[in-house]
All heavy atoms as atom14 arrays in JSON, in Angstrom:
{
  "sequence": "LLLCPVDMPWLGESSLRLLLQAGAQQPDIVLAHDGIRAQPLLGIYPAT",
  "atom14_mask": [
    [1, 1, 1, 1, 1, 1, 1, 1, 0, 0, 0, 0, 0, 0],
    [1, 1, 1, 1, 1, 1, 1, 1, 0, 0, 0, 0, 0, 0],
    [1, 1, 1, 1, 1, 1, 1, 1, 0, 0, 0, 0, 0, 0],
    [1, 1, 1, 1, 1, 1, 0, 0, 0, 0, 0, 0, 0, 0],
    [1, 1, 1, 1, 1, 1, 1, 0, 0, 0, 0, 0, 0, 0],
    [1, 1, 1, 1, 1, 1, 1, 0, 0, 0, 0, 0, 0, 0],
    [1, 1, 1, 1, 1, 1, 1, 1, 0, 0, 0, 0, 0, 0],
    [1, 1, 1, 1, 1, 1, 1, 1, 0, 0, 0, 0, 0, 0],
    [1, 1, 1, 1, 1, 1, 1, 0, 0, 0, 0, 0, 0, 0],
    [1, 1, 1, 1, 1, 1, 1, 1, 1, 1, 1, 1, 1, 1],
    [1, 1, 1, 1, 1, 1, 1, 1, 0, 0, 0, 0, 0, 0],
    [1, 1, 1, 1, 0, 0, 0, 0, 0, 0, 0, 0, 0, 0],
    [1, 1, 1, 1, 1, 1, 1, 1, 1, 0, 0, 0, 0, 0],
    [1, 1, 1, 1, 1, 1, 0, 0, 0, 0, 0, 0, 0, 0],
    [1, 1, 1, 1, 1, 1, 0, 0, 0, 0, 0, 0, 0, 0],
    [1, 1, 1, 1, 1, 1, 1, 1, 0, 0, 0, 0, 0, 0],
    [1, 1, 1, 1, 1, 1, 1, 1, 1, 1, 1, 0, 0, 0],
    [1, 1, 1, 1, 1, 1, 1, 1, 0, 0, 0, 0, 0, 0],
    [1, 1, 1, 1, 1, 1, 1, 1, 0, 0, 0, 0, 0, 0],
    [1, 1, 1, 1, 1, 1, 1, 1, 0, 0, 0, 0, 0, 0],
    [1, 1, 1, 1, 1, 1, 1, 1, 1, 0, 0, 0, 0, 0],
    [1, 1, 1, 1, 1, 0, 0, 0, 0, 0, 0, 0, 0, 0],
    [1, 1, 1, 1, 0, 0, 0, 0, 0, 0, 0, 0, 0, 0],
    [1, 1, 1, 1, 1, 0, 0, 0, 0, 0, 0, 0, 0, 0],
    [1, 1, 1, 1, 1, 1, 1, 1, 1, 0, 0, 0, 0, 0],
    [1, 1, 1, 1, 1, 1, 1, 1, 1, 0, 0, 0, 0, 0],
    [1, 1, 1, 1, 1, 1, 1, 0, 0, 0, 0, 0, 0, 0],
    [1, 1, 1, 1, 1, 1, 1, 1, 0, 0, 0, 0, 0, 0],
    [1, 1, 1, 1, 1, 1, 1, 1, 0, 0, 0, 0, 0, 0],
    [1, 1, 1, 1, 1, 1, 1, 0, 0, 0, 0, 0, 0, 0],
    [1, 1, 1, 1, 1, 1, 1, 1, 0, 0, 0, 0, 0, 0],
    [1, 1, 1, 1, 1, 0, 0, 0, 0, 0, 0, 0, 0, 0],
    [1, 1, 1, 1, 1, 1, 1, 1, 1, 1, 0, 0, 0, 0],
    [1, 1, 1, 1, 1, 1, 1, 1, 0, 0, 0, 0, 0, 0],
    [1, 1, 1, 1, 0, 0, 0, 0, 0, 0, 0, 0, 0, 0],
    [1, 1, 1, 1, 1, 1, 1, 1, 0, 0, 0, 0, 0, 0],
    [1, 1, 1, 1, 1, 1, 1, 1, 1, 1, 1, 0, 0, 0],
    [1, 1, 1, 1, 1, 0, 0, 0, 0, 0, 0, 0, 0, 0],
    [1, 1, 1, 1, 1, 1, 1, 1, 1, 0, 0, 0, 0, 0],
    [1, 1, 1, 1, 1, 1, 1, 0, 0, 0, 0, 0, 0, 0],
    [1, 1, 1, 1, 1, 1, 1, 1, 0, 0, 0, 0, 0, 0],
    [1, 1, 1, 1, 1, 1, 1, 1, 0, 0, 0, 0, 0, 0],
    [1, 1, 1, 1, 0, 0, 0, 0, 0, 0, 0, 0, 0, 0],
    [1, 1, 1, 1, 1, 1, 1, 1, 0, 0, 0, 0, 0, 0],
    [1, 1, 1, 1, 1, 1, 1, 1, 1, 1, 1, 1, 0, 0],
    [1, 1, 1, 1, 1, 1, 1, 0, 0, 0, 0, 0, 0, 0],
    [1, 1, 1, 1, 1, 0, 0, 0, 0, 0, 0, 0, 0, 0],
    [1, 1, 1, 1, 1, 1, 1, 0, 0, 0, 0, 0, 0, 0]
  ],
  "atom14_positions": [
    [[137.09, 139.75, -71.88], [136.85, 139.6, -70.45], [136.81, 138.13, -70.06], [136.09, 137.33, -70.67], [135.51, 140.24, -70.06], [135.53, 141.72, -69.67], [136.1, 142.58, -70.78], [134.15, 142.19, -69.28], [0.0, 0.0, 0.0], [0.0, 0.0, 0.0], [0.0, 0.0, 0.0], [0.0, 0.0, 0.0], [0.0, 0.0, 0.0], [0.0, 0.0, 0.0]],
    [[137.63, 137.79, -69.07], [137.53, 136.47, -68.45], [136.71, 136.65, -67.19], [137.2, 137.18, -66.19], [138.91, 135.9, -68.13], [138.93, 134.64, -67.25], [138.11, 133.52, -67.9], [140.35, 134.19, -66.99], [0.0, 0.0, 0.0], [0.0, 0.0, 0.0], [0.0, 0.0, 0.0], [0.0, 0.0, 0.0], [0.0, 0.0, 0.0], [0.0, 0.0, 0.0]],
    [[135.46, 136.25, -67.24], [134.54, 136.43, -66.12], [134.66, 135.22, -65.19], [134.67, 134.07, -65.64], [133.11, 136.56, -66.64], [132.08, 137.19, -65.7], [132.43, 138.66, -65.47], [130.69, 137.07, -66.29], [0.0, 0.0, 0.0], [0.0, 0.0, 0.0], [0.0, 0.0, 0.0], [0.0, 0.0, 0.0], [0.0, 0.0, 0.0], [0.0, 0.0, 0.0]],
    [[134.71, 135.5, -63.88], [134.87, 134.43, -62.9], [134.1, 134.79, -61.64], [134.14, 135.94, -61.2], [136.36, 134.24, -62.59], [136.73, 132.95, -61.36], [0.0, 0.0, 0.0], [0.0, 0.0, 0.0], [0.0, 0.0, 0.0], [0.0, 0.0, 0.0], [0.0, 0.0, 0.0], [0.0, 0.0, 0.0], [0.0, 0.0, 0.0], [0.0, 0.0, 0.0]],
    [[133.39, 133.82, -61.03], [132.68, 134.11, -59.78], [133.56, 133.79, -58.58], [134.51, 133.01, -58.66], [131.48, 133.15, -59.85], [132.05, 131.95, -60.55], [133.07, 132.48, -61.54], [0.0, 0.0, 0.0], [0.0, 0.0, 0.0], [0.0, 0.0, 0.0], [0.0, 0.0, 0.0], [0.0, 0.0, 0.0], [0.0, 0.0, 0.0], [0.0, 0.0, 0.0]],
    [[133.22, 134.37, -57.44], [134.0, 134.12, -56.24], [133.69, 132.76, -55.63], [134.51, 132.21, -54.88], [133.73, 135.24, -55.21], [132.35, 135.07, -54.56], [134.82, 135.3, -54.15], [0.0, 0.0, 0.0], [0.0, 0.0, 0.0], [0.0, 0.0, 0.0], [0.0, 0.0, 0.0], [0.0, 0.0, 0.0], [0.0, 0.0, 0.0], [0.0, 0.0, 0.0]],
    [[132.53, 132.17, -55.97], [132.1, 130.94, -55.3], [132.4, 129.68, -56.1], [131.57, 128.76, -56.17], [130.61, 131.01, -54.94], [129.73, 131.25, -56.15], [130.26, 131.51, -57.24], [128.49, 131.16, -55.99], [0.0, 0.0, 0.0], [0.0, 0.0, 0.0], [0.0, 0.0, 0.0], [0.0, 0.0, 0.0], [0.0, 0.0, 0.0], [0.0, 0.0, 0.0]],
    [[133.57, 129.61, -56.72], [134.08, 128.38, -57.31], [135.42, 128.08, -56.65], [136.49, 128.23, -57.26], [134.23, 128.5, -58.82], [132.93, 128.46, -59.58], [133.2, 128.36, -61.38], [131.5, 128.27, -61.96], [0.0, 0.0, 0.0], [0.0, 0.0, 0.0], [0.0, 0.0, 0.0], [0.0, 0.0, 0.0], [0.0, 0.0, 0.0], [0.0, 0.0, 0.0]],
    [[135.41, 127.65, -55.38], [136.66, 127.55, -54.61], [137.62, 126.48, -55.11], [138.79, 126.5, -54.72], [136.18, 127.25, -53.19], [134.83, 126.62, -53.37], [134.23, 127.28, -54.56], [0.0, 0.0, 0.0], [0.0, 0.0, 0.0], [0.0, 0.0, 0.0], [0.0, 0.0, 0.0], [0.0, 0.0, 0.0], [0.0, 0.0, 0.0], [0.0, 0.0, 0.0]],
    [[137.16, 125.55, -55.96], [138.05, 124.49, -56.43], [138.46, 124.69, -57.88], [139.07, 123.82, -58.49], [137.39, 123.13, -56.25], [136.95, 122.9, -54.84], [135.68, 122.74, -54.37], [137.81, 122.84, -53.69], [135.68, 122.6, -53.01], [136.97, 122.65, -52.56], [139.18, 122.93, -53.5], [137.48, 122.54, -51.27], [139.69, 122.83, -52.21], [138.84, 122.64, -51.12]],
    [[138.17, 125.84, -58.43], [138.61, 126.16, -59.78], [140.14, 126.21, -59.82], [140.77, 126.77, -58.93], [138.03, 127.51, -60.2], [138.35, 128.01, -61.6], [137.77, 127.09, -62.65], [137.82, 129.43, -61.77], [0.0, 0.0, 0.0], [0.0, 0.0, 0.0], [0.0, 0.0, 0.0], [0.0, 0.0, 0.0], [0.0, 0.0, 0.0], [0.0, 0.0, 0.0]],
    [[140.73, 125.63, -60.89], [142.19, 125.59, -61.0], [142.71, 126.38, -62.18], [141.97, 126.71, -63.11], [0.0, 0.0, 0.0], [0.0, 0.0, 0.0], [0.0, 0.0, 0.0], [0.0, 0.0, 0.0], [0.0, 0.0, 0.0], [0.0, 0.0, 0.0], [0.0, 0.0, 0.0], [0.0, 0.0, 0.0], [0.0, 0.0, 0.0], [0.0, 0.0, 0.0]],
    [[144.0, 126.66, -62.14], [144.62, 127.43, -63.22], [144.53, 126.7, -64.55], [144.35, 127.32, -65.6], [146.08, 127.72, -62.89], [146.78, 128.57, -63.94], [148.24, 128.83, -63.63], [148.7, 128.48, -62.52], [148.94, 129.37, -64.51], [0.0, 0.0, 0.0], [0.0, 0.0, 0.0], [0.0, 0.0, 0.0], [0.0, 0.0, 0.0], [0.0, 0.0, 0.0]],
    [[144.64, 125.37, -64.54], [144.58, 124.62, -65.8], [143.23, 124.81, -66.49], [143.18, 124.91, -67.72], [144.82, 123.13, -65.54], [143.85, 122.6, -64.63], [0.0, 0.0, 0.0], [0.0, 0.0, 0.0], [0.0, 0.0, 0.0], [0.0, 0.0, 0.0], [0.0, 0.0, 0.0], [0.0, 0.0, 0.0], [0.0, 0.0, 0.0], [0.0, 0.0, 0.0]],
    [[142.15, 124.9, -65.72], [140.83, 125.14, -66.31], [140.76, 126.52, -66.94], [140.18, 126.7, -68.01], [139.73, 124.99, -65.25], [139.71, 123.67, -64.74], [0.0, 0.0, 0.0], [0.0, 0.0, 0.0], [0.0, 0.0, 0.0], [0.0, 0.0, 0.0], [0.0, 0.0, 0.0], [0.0, 0.0, 0.0], [0.0, 0.0, 0.0], [0.0, 0.0, 0.0]],
    [[141.35, 127.52, -66.27], [141.38, 128.87, -66.84], [142.16, 128.89, -68.14], [141.75, 129.53, -69.11], [141.99, 129.85, -65.84], [141.22, 130.12, -64.55], [141.97, 131.18, -63.73], [139.8, 130.59, -64.84], [0.0, 0.0, 0.0], [0.0, 0.0, 0.0], [0.0, 0.0, 0.0], [0.0, 0.0, 0.0], [0.0, 0.0, 0.0], [0.0, 0.0, 0.0]],
    [[143.28, 128.19, -68.17], [144.1, 128.17, -69.39], [143.36, 127.51, -70.54], [143.46, 127.95, -71.69], [145.41, 127.43, -69.11], [146.28, 128.08, -68.05], [146.97, 129.31, -68.54], [147.83, 129.92, -67.52], [148.47, 131.06, -67.67], [148.36, 131.73, -68.8], [149.22, 131.56, -66.69], [0.0, 0.0, 0.0], [0.0, 0.0, 0.0], [0.0, 0.0, 0.0]],
    [[142.63, 126.43, -70.26], [141.84, 125.77, -71.3], [140.77, 126.71, -71.84], [140.51, 126.76, -73.05], [141.2, 124.5, -70.76], [142.13, 123.31, -70.53], [141.38, 122.18, -69.83], [142.72, 122.81, -71.85], [0.0, 0.0, 0.0], [0.0, 0.0, 0.0], [0.0, 0.0, 0.0], [0.0, 0.0, 0.0], [0.0, 0.0, 0.0], [0.0, 0.0, 0.0]],
    [[140.15, 127.45, -70.95], [139.12, 128.39, -71.36], [139.71, 129.5, -72.24], [139.14, 129.87, -73.27], [138.47, 128.99, -70.11], [137.12, 129.71, -70.26], [136.08, 128.79, -70.85], [136.67, 130.23, -68.91], [0.0, 0.0, 0.0], [0.0, 0.0, 0.0], [0.0, 0.0, 0.0], [0.0, 0.0, 0.0], [0.0, 0.0, 0.0], [0.0, 0.0, 0.0]],
    [[140.85, 130.02, -71.85], [141.51, 131.05, -72.65], [141.92, 130.52, -74.01], [141.81, 131.22, -75.02], [142.74, 131.58, -71.9], [142.46, 132.42, -70.66], [143.77, 132.76, -69.95], [141.71, 133.7, -71.02], [0.0, 0.0, 0.0], [0.0, 0.0, 0.0], [0.0, 0.0, 0.0], [0.0, 0.0, 0.0], [0.0, 0.0, 0.0], [0.0, 0.0, 0.0]],
    [[142.39, 129.29, -74.04], [142.78, 128.68, -75.32], [141.58, 128.57, -76.25], [141.66, 128.86, -77.44], [143.39, 127.31, -75.07], [143.9, 126.62, -76.33], [144.53, 125.27, -76.03], [144.49, 124.78, -74.91], [145.13, 124.66, -77.04], [0.0, 0.0, 0.0], [0.0, 0.0, 0.0], [0.0, 0.0, 0.0], [0.0, 0.0, 0.0], [0.0, 0.0, 0.0]],
    [[140.44, 128.14, -75.7], [139.23, 128.04, -76.51], [138.78, 129.42, -77.0], [138.36, 129.59, -78.14], [138.12, 127.37, -75.71], [0.0, 0.0, 0.0], [0.0, 0.0, 0.0], [0.0, 0.0, 0.0], [0.0, 0.0, 0.0], [0.0, 0.0, 0.0], [0.0, 0.0, 0.0], [0.0, 0.0, 0.0], [0.0, 0.0, 0.0], [0.0, 0.0, 0.0]],
    [[138.88, 130.43, -76.12], [138.48, 131.76, -76.5], [139.35, 132.38, -77.57], [138.9, 133.23, -78.35], [0.0, 0.0, 0.0], [0.0, 0.0, 0.0], [0.0, 0.0, 0.0], [0.0, 0.0, 0.0], [0.0, 0.0, 0.0], [0.0, 0.0, 0.0], [0.0, 0.0, 0.0], [0.0, 0.0, 0.0], [0.0, 0.0, 0.0], [0.0, 0.0, 0.0]],
    [[140.61, 131.96, -77.62], [141.54, 132.52, -78.61], [141.28, 131.97, -80.01], [141.77, 132.53, -81.0], [142.97, 132.22, -78.2], [0.0, 0.0, 0.0], [0.0, 0.0, 0.0], [0.0, 0.0, 0.0], [0.0, 0.0, 0.0], [0.0, 0.0, 0.0], [0.0, 0.0, 0.0], [0.0, 0.0, 0.0], [0.0, 0.0, 0.0], [0.0, 0.0, 0.0]],
    [[140.51, 130.9, -80.11], [140.32, 130.24, -81.4], [139.13, 130.77, -82.18], [138.97, 130.45, -83.35], [140.18, 128.73, -81.18], [141.45, 128.1, -80.64], [141.26, 126.65, -80.24], [140.16, 126.1, -80.31], [142.35, 126.01, -79.82], [0.0, 0.0, 0.0], [0.0, 0.0, 0.0], [0.0, 0.0, 0.0], [0.0, 0.0, 0.0], [0.0, 0.0, 0.0]],
    [[138.27, 131.55, -81.55], [137.14, 132.13, -82.26], [136.61, 133.34, -81.49], [136.91, 133.49, -80.31], [136.05, 131.08, -82.52], [135.68, 130.22, -81.33], [134.77, 130.92, -80.38], [133.83, 131.56, -80.81], [135.03, 130.84, -79.1], [0.0, 0.0, 0.0], [0.0, 0.0, 0.0], [0.0, 0.0, 0.0], [0.0, 0.0, 0.0], [0.0, 0.0, 0.0]],
    [[135.85, 134.21, -82.14], [135.53, 135.52, -81.56], [134.28, 135.55, -80.68], [133.93, 136.62, -80.18], [135.31, 136.39, -82.8], [134.73, 135.45, -83.81], [135.41, 134.12, -83.56], [0.0, 0.0, 0.0], [0.0, 0.0, 0.0], [0.0, 0.0, 0.0], [0.0, 0.0, 0.0], [0.0, 0.0, 0.0], [0.0, 0.0, 0.0], [0.0, 0.0, 0.0]],
    [[133.6, 134.43, -80.49], [132.34, 134.44, -79.78], [132.53, 134.21, -78.28], [133.63, 133.93, -77.8], [131.4, 133.37, -80.34], [131.02, 133.65, -81.78], [130.93, 134.84, -82.14], [130.85, 132.69, -82.55], [0.0, 0.0, 0.0], [0.0, 0.0, 0.0], [0.0, 0.0, 0.0], [0.0, 0.0, 0.0], [0.0, 0.0, 0.0], [0.0, 0.0, 0.0]],
    [[131.43, 134.3, -77.55], [131.44, 133.99, -76.13], [131.72, 132.5, -75.94], [131.18, 131.66, -76.66], [130.08, 134.36, -75.5], [129.86, 135.88, -75.56], [129.99, 133.87, -74.06], [128.47, 136.29, -75.17], [0.0, 0.0, 0.0], [0.0, 0.0, 0.0], [0.0, 0.0, 0.0], [0.0, 0.0, 0.0], [0.0, 0.0, 0.0], [0.0, 0.0, 0.0]],
    [[132.57, 132.18, -74.98], [132.88, 130.79, -74.65], [132.6, 130.58, -73.17], [133.14, 131.3, -72.33], [134.34, 130.44, -74.96], [134.65, 129.0, -74.57], [134.65, 130.65, -76.44], [0.0, 0.0, 0.0], [0.0, 0.0, 0.0], [0.0, 0.0, 0.0], [0.0, 0.0, 0.0], [0.0, 0.0, 0.0], [0.0, 0.0, 0.0], [0.0, 0.0, 0.0]],
    [[131.78, 129.6, -72.86], [131.42, 129.32, -71.46], [132.08, 128.03, -70.99], [132.25, 127.09, -71.77], [129.9, 129.2, -71.32], [129.06, 130.39, -71.74], [127.59, 130.09, -71.49], [129.49, 131.66, -71.01], [0.0, 0.0, 0.0], [0.0, 0.0, 0.0], [0.0, 0.0, 0.0], [0.0, 0.0, 0.0], [0.0, 0.0, 0.0], [0.0, 0.0, 0.0]],
    [[132.41, 128.0, -69.7], [132.88, 126.76, -69.1], [131.7, 125.79, -68.97], [130.54, 126.2, -68.91], [133.48, 127.04, -67.73], [0.0, 0.0, 0.0], [0.0, 0.0, 0.0], [0.0, 0.0, 0.0], [0.0, 0.0, 0.0], [0.0, 0.0, 0.0], [0.0, 0.0, 0.0], [0.0, 0.0, 0.0], [0.0, 0.0, 0.0], [0.0, 0.0, 0.0]],
    [[132.03, 124.5, -68.94], [131.01, 123.46, -68.8], [131.5, 122.45, -67.77], [132.65, 122.02, -67.82], [130.77, 122.78, -70.15], [129.47, 122.06, -70.25], [129.24, 120.85, -69.64], [128.31, 122.38, -70.87], [128.0, 120.45, -69.9], [127.4, 121.37, -70.63], [0.0, 0.0, 0.0], [0.0, 0.0, 0.0], [0.0, 0.0, 0.0], [0.0, 0.0, 0.0]],
    [[130.63, 122.09, -66.85], [131.04, 121.18, -65.78], [130.72, 119.72, -66.07], [130.82, 118.87, -65.18], [130.4, 121.59, -64.45], [128.88, 121.5, -64.48], [128.3, 121.01, -65.47], [128.24, 121.94, -63.48], [0.0, 0.0, 0.0], [0.0, 0.0, 0.0], [0.0, 0.0, 0.0], [0.0, 0.0, 0.0], [0.0, 0.0, 0.0], [0.0, 0.0, 0.0]],
    [[130.34, 119.42, -67.31], [129.97, 118.06, -67.68], [128.48, 117.82, -67.62], [127.99, 116.84, -68.18], [0.0, 0.0, 0.0], [0.0, 0.0, 0.0], [0.0, 0.0, 0.0], [0.0, 0.0, 0.0], [0.0, 0.0, 0.0], [0.0, 0.0, 0.0], [0.0, 0.0, 0.0], [0.0, 0.0, 0.0], [0.0, 0.0, 0.0], [0.0, 0.0, 0.0]],
    [[127.76, 118.73, -66.99], [126.31, 118.63, -66.9], [125.65, 119.84, -67.56], [124.73, 119.69, -68.35], [125.85, 118.54, -65.43], [126.46, 117.3, -64.76], [124.33, 118.5, -65.33], [126.16, 117.18, -63.28], [0.0, 0.0, 0.0], [0.0, 0.0, 0.0], [0.0, 0.0, 0.0], [0.0, 0.0, 0.0], [0.0, 0.0, 0.0], [0.0, 0.0, 0.0]],
    [[126.16, 121.02, -67.26], [125.57, 122.24, -67.82], [126.65, 123.32, -67.99], [127.71, 123.24, -67.36], [124.45, 122.75, -66.93], [124.9, 123.15, -65.55], [123.73, 123.65, -64.7], [122.78, 122.59, -64.43], [122.89, 121.72, -63.43], [123.92, 121.8, -62.59], [122.0, 120.79, -63.23], [0.0, 0.0, 0.0], [0.0, 0.0, 0.0], [0.0, 0.0, 0.0]],
    [[126.32, 124.28, -68.82], [127.22, 125.42, -69.0], [127.21, 126.28, -67.74], [126.2, 126.37, -67.03], [126.79, 126.24, -70.21], [0.0, 0.0, 0.0], [0.0, 0.0, 0.0], [0.0, 0.0, 0.0], [0.0, 0.0, 0.0], [0.0, 0.0, 0.0], [0.0, 0.0, 0.0], [0.0, 0.0, 0.0], [0.0, 0.0, 0.0], [0.0, 0.0, 0.0]],
    [[128.32, 126.94, -67.48], [128.48, 127.8, -66.32], [128.7, 129.24, -66.81], [129.84, 129.65, -67.06], [129.66, 127.33, -65.46], [129.51, 125.95, -64.9], [128.37, 125.84, -63.91], [128.11, 126.78, -63.14], [127.68, 124.72, -63.91], [0.0, 0.0, 0.0], [0.0, 0.0, 0.0], [0.0, 0.0, 0.0], [0.0, 0.0, 0.0], [0.0, 0.0, 0.0]],
    [[127.63, 130.02, -66.95], [127.75, 131.34, -67.58], [128.57, 132.35, -66.79], [129.01, 133.35, -67.37], [126.31, 131.81, -67.73], [125.54, 131.02, -66.73], [126.22, 129.7, -66.62], [0.0, 0.0, 0.0], [0.0, 0.0, 0.0], [0.0, 0.0, 0.0], [0.0, 0.0, 0.0], [0.0, 0.0, 0.0], [0.0, 0.0, 0.0], [0.0, 0.0, 0.0]],
    [[128.8, 132.13, -65.5], [129.6, 133.08, -64.73], [131.1, 132.79, -64.84], [131.91, 133.52, -64.27], [129.18, 133.08, -63.27], [127.77, 133.57, -63.0], [127.52, 133.69, -61.5], [127.49, 134.9, -63.68], [0.0, 0.0, 0.0], [0.0, 0.0, 0.0], [0.0, 0.0, 0.0], [0.0, 0.0, 0.0], [0.0, 0.0, 0.0], [0.0, 0.0, 0.0]],
    [[131.45, 131.73, -65.57], [132.85, 131.44, -65.85], [132.98, 131.32, -67.36], [132.58, 130.32, -67.95], [133.29, 130.14, -65.16], [134.75, 129.73, -65.41], [135.72, 130.78, -64.91], [135.04, 128.37, -64.74], [0.0, 0.0, 0.0], [0.0, 0.0, 0.0], [0.0, 0.0, 0.0], [0.0, 0.0, 0.0], [0.0, 0.0, 0.0], [0.0, 0.0, 0.0]],
    [[133.5, 132.35, -67.97], [133.55, 132.33, -69.43], [134.37, 133.48, -70.0], [134.79, 134.39, -69.27], [0.0, 0.0, 0.0], [0.0, 0.0, 0.0], [0.0, 0.0, 0.0], [0.0, 0.0, 0.0], [0.0, 0.0, 0.0], [0.0, 0.0, 0.0], [0.0, 0.0, 0.0], [0.0, 0.0, 0.0], [0.0, 0.0, 0.0], [0.0, 0.0, 0.0]],
    [[134.54, 133.43, -71.31], [135.22, 134.47, -72.06], [134.16, 135.31, -72.76], [133.34, 134.8, -73.52], [136.17, 133.87, -73.11], [137.19, 132.94, -72.46], [136.86, 134.97, -73.9], [138.15, 133.63, -71.53], [0.0, 0.0, 0.0], [0.0, 0.0, 0.0], [0.0, 0.0, 0.0], [0.0, 0.0, 0.0], [0.0, 0.0, 0.0], [0.0, 0.0, 0.0]],
    [[134.17, 136.61, -72.49], [133.19, 137.54, -73.04], [133.9, 138.67, -73.78], [134.37, 139.61, -73.15], [132.31, 138.12, -71.92], [131.33, 137.15, -71.31], [131.71, 136.27, -70.3], [130.01, 137.1, -71.75], [130.81, 135.38, -69.72], [129.1, 136.23, -71.18], [129.51, 135.37, -70.18], [128.6, 134.49, -69.62], [0.0, 0.0, 0.0], [0.0, 0.0, 0.0]],
    [[134.0, 138.59, -75.1], [134.62, 139.7, -75.86], [133.71, 140.93, -75.84], [132.54, 140.86, -76.21], [134.75, 139.13, -77.28], [134.61, 137.64, -77.13], [133.69, 137.44, -75.97], [0.0, 0.0, 0.0], [0.0, 0.0, 0.0], [0.0, 0.0, 0.0], [0.0, 0.0, 0.0], [0.0, 0.0, 0.0], [0.0, 0.0, 0.0], [0.0, 0.0, 0.0]],
    [[134.25, 142.05, -75.4], [133.46, 143.28, -75.25], [133.48, 144.09, -76.55], [133.99, 145.2, -76.6], [133.98, 144.11, -74.09], [0.0, 0.0, 0.0], [0.0, 0.0, 0.0], [0.0, 0.0, 0.0], [0.0, 0.0, 0.0], [0.0, 0.0, 0.0], [0.0, 0.0, 0.0], [0.0, 0.0, 0.0], [0.0, 0.0, 0.0], [0.0, 0.0, 0.0]],
    [[132.9, 143.51, -77.61], [132.85, 144.21, -78.88], [131.81, 145.33, -78.84], [130.93, 145.35, -77.97], [132.48, 143.23, -80.01], [131.16, 142.72, -79.75], [133.45, 142.06, -80.07], [0.0, 0.0, 0.0], [0.0, 0.0, 0.0], [0.0, 0.0, 0.0], [0.0, 0.0, 0.0], [0.0, 0.0, 0.0], [0.0, 0.0, 0.0], [0.0, 0.0, 0.0]]
  ]
}
C-alpha cells in the first residue's frame, strides 16, 4: 500500500517514485520524511 493524504498539495511524482524505490529494497514499512520529522500518512505499508 502506498498511503497518501489529500492535504499534501505540493507533493510531486518524483517524491512518490523515491518512496517506492525505498520500499522495493526491503519488506518493512517506509515513511516519508520532510527533513524534520517522519510523515506517517505518506508511506509504504506492506499488508502482510
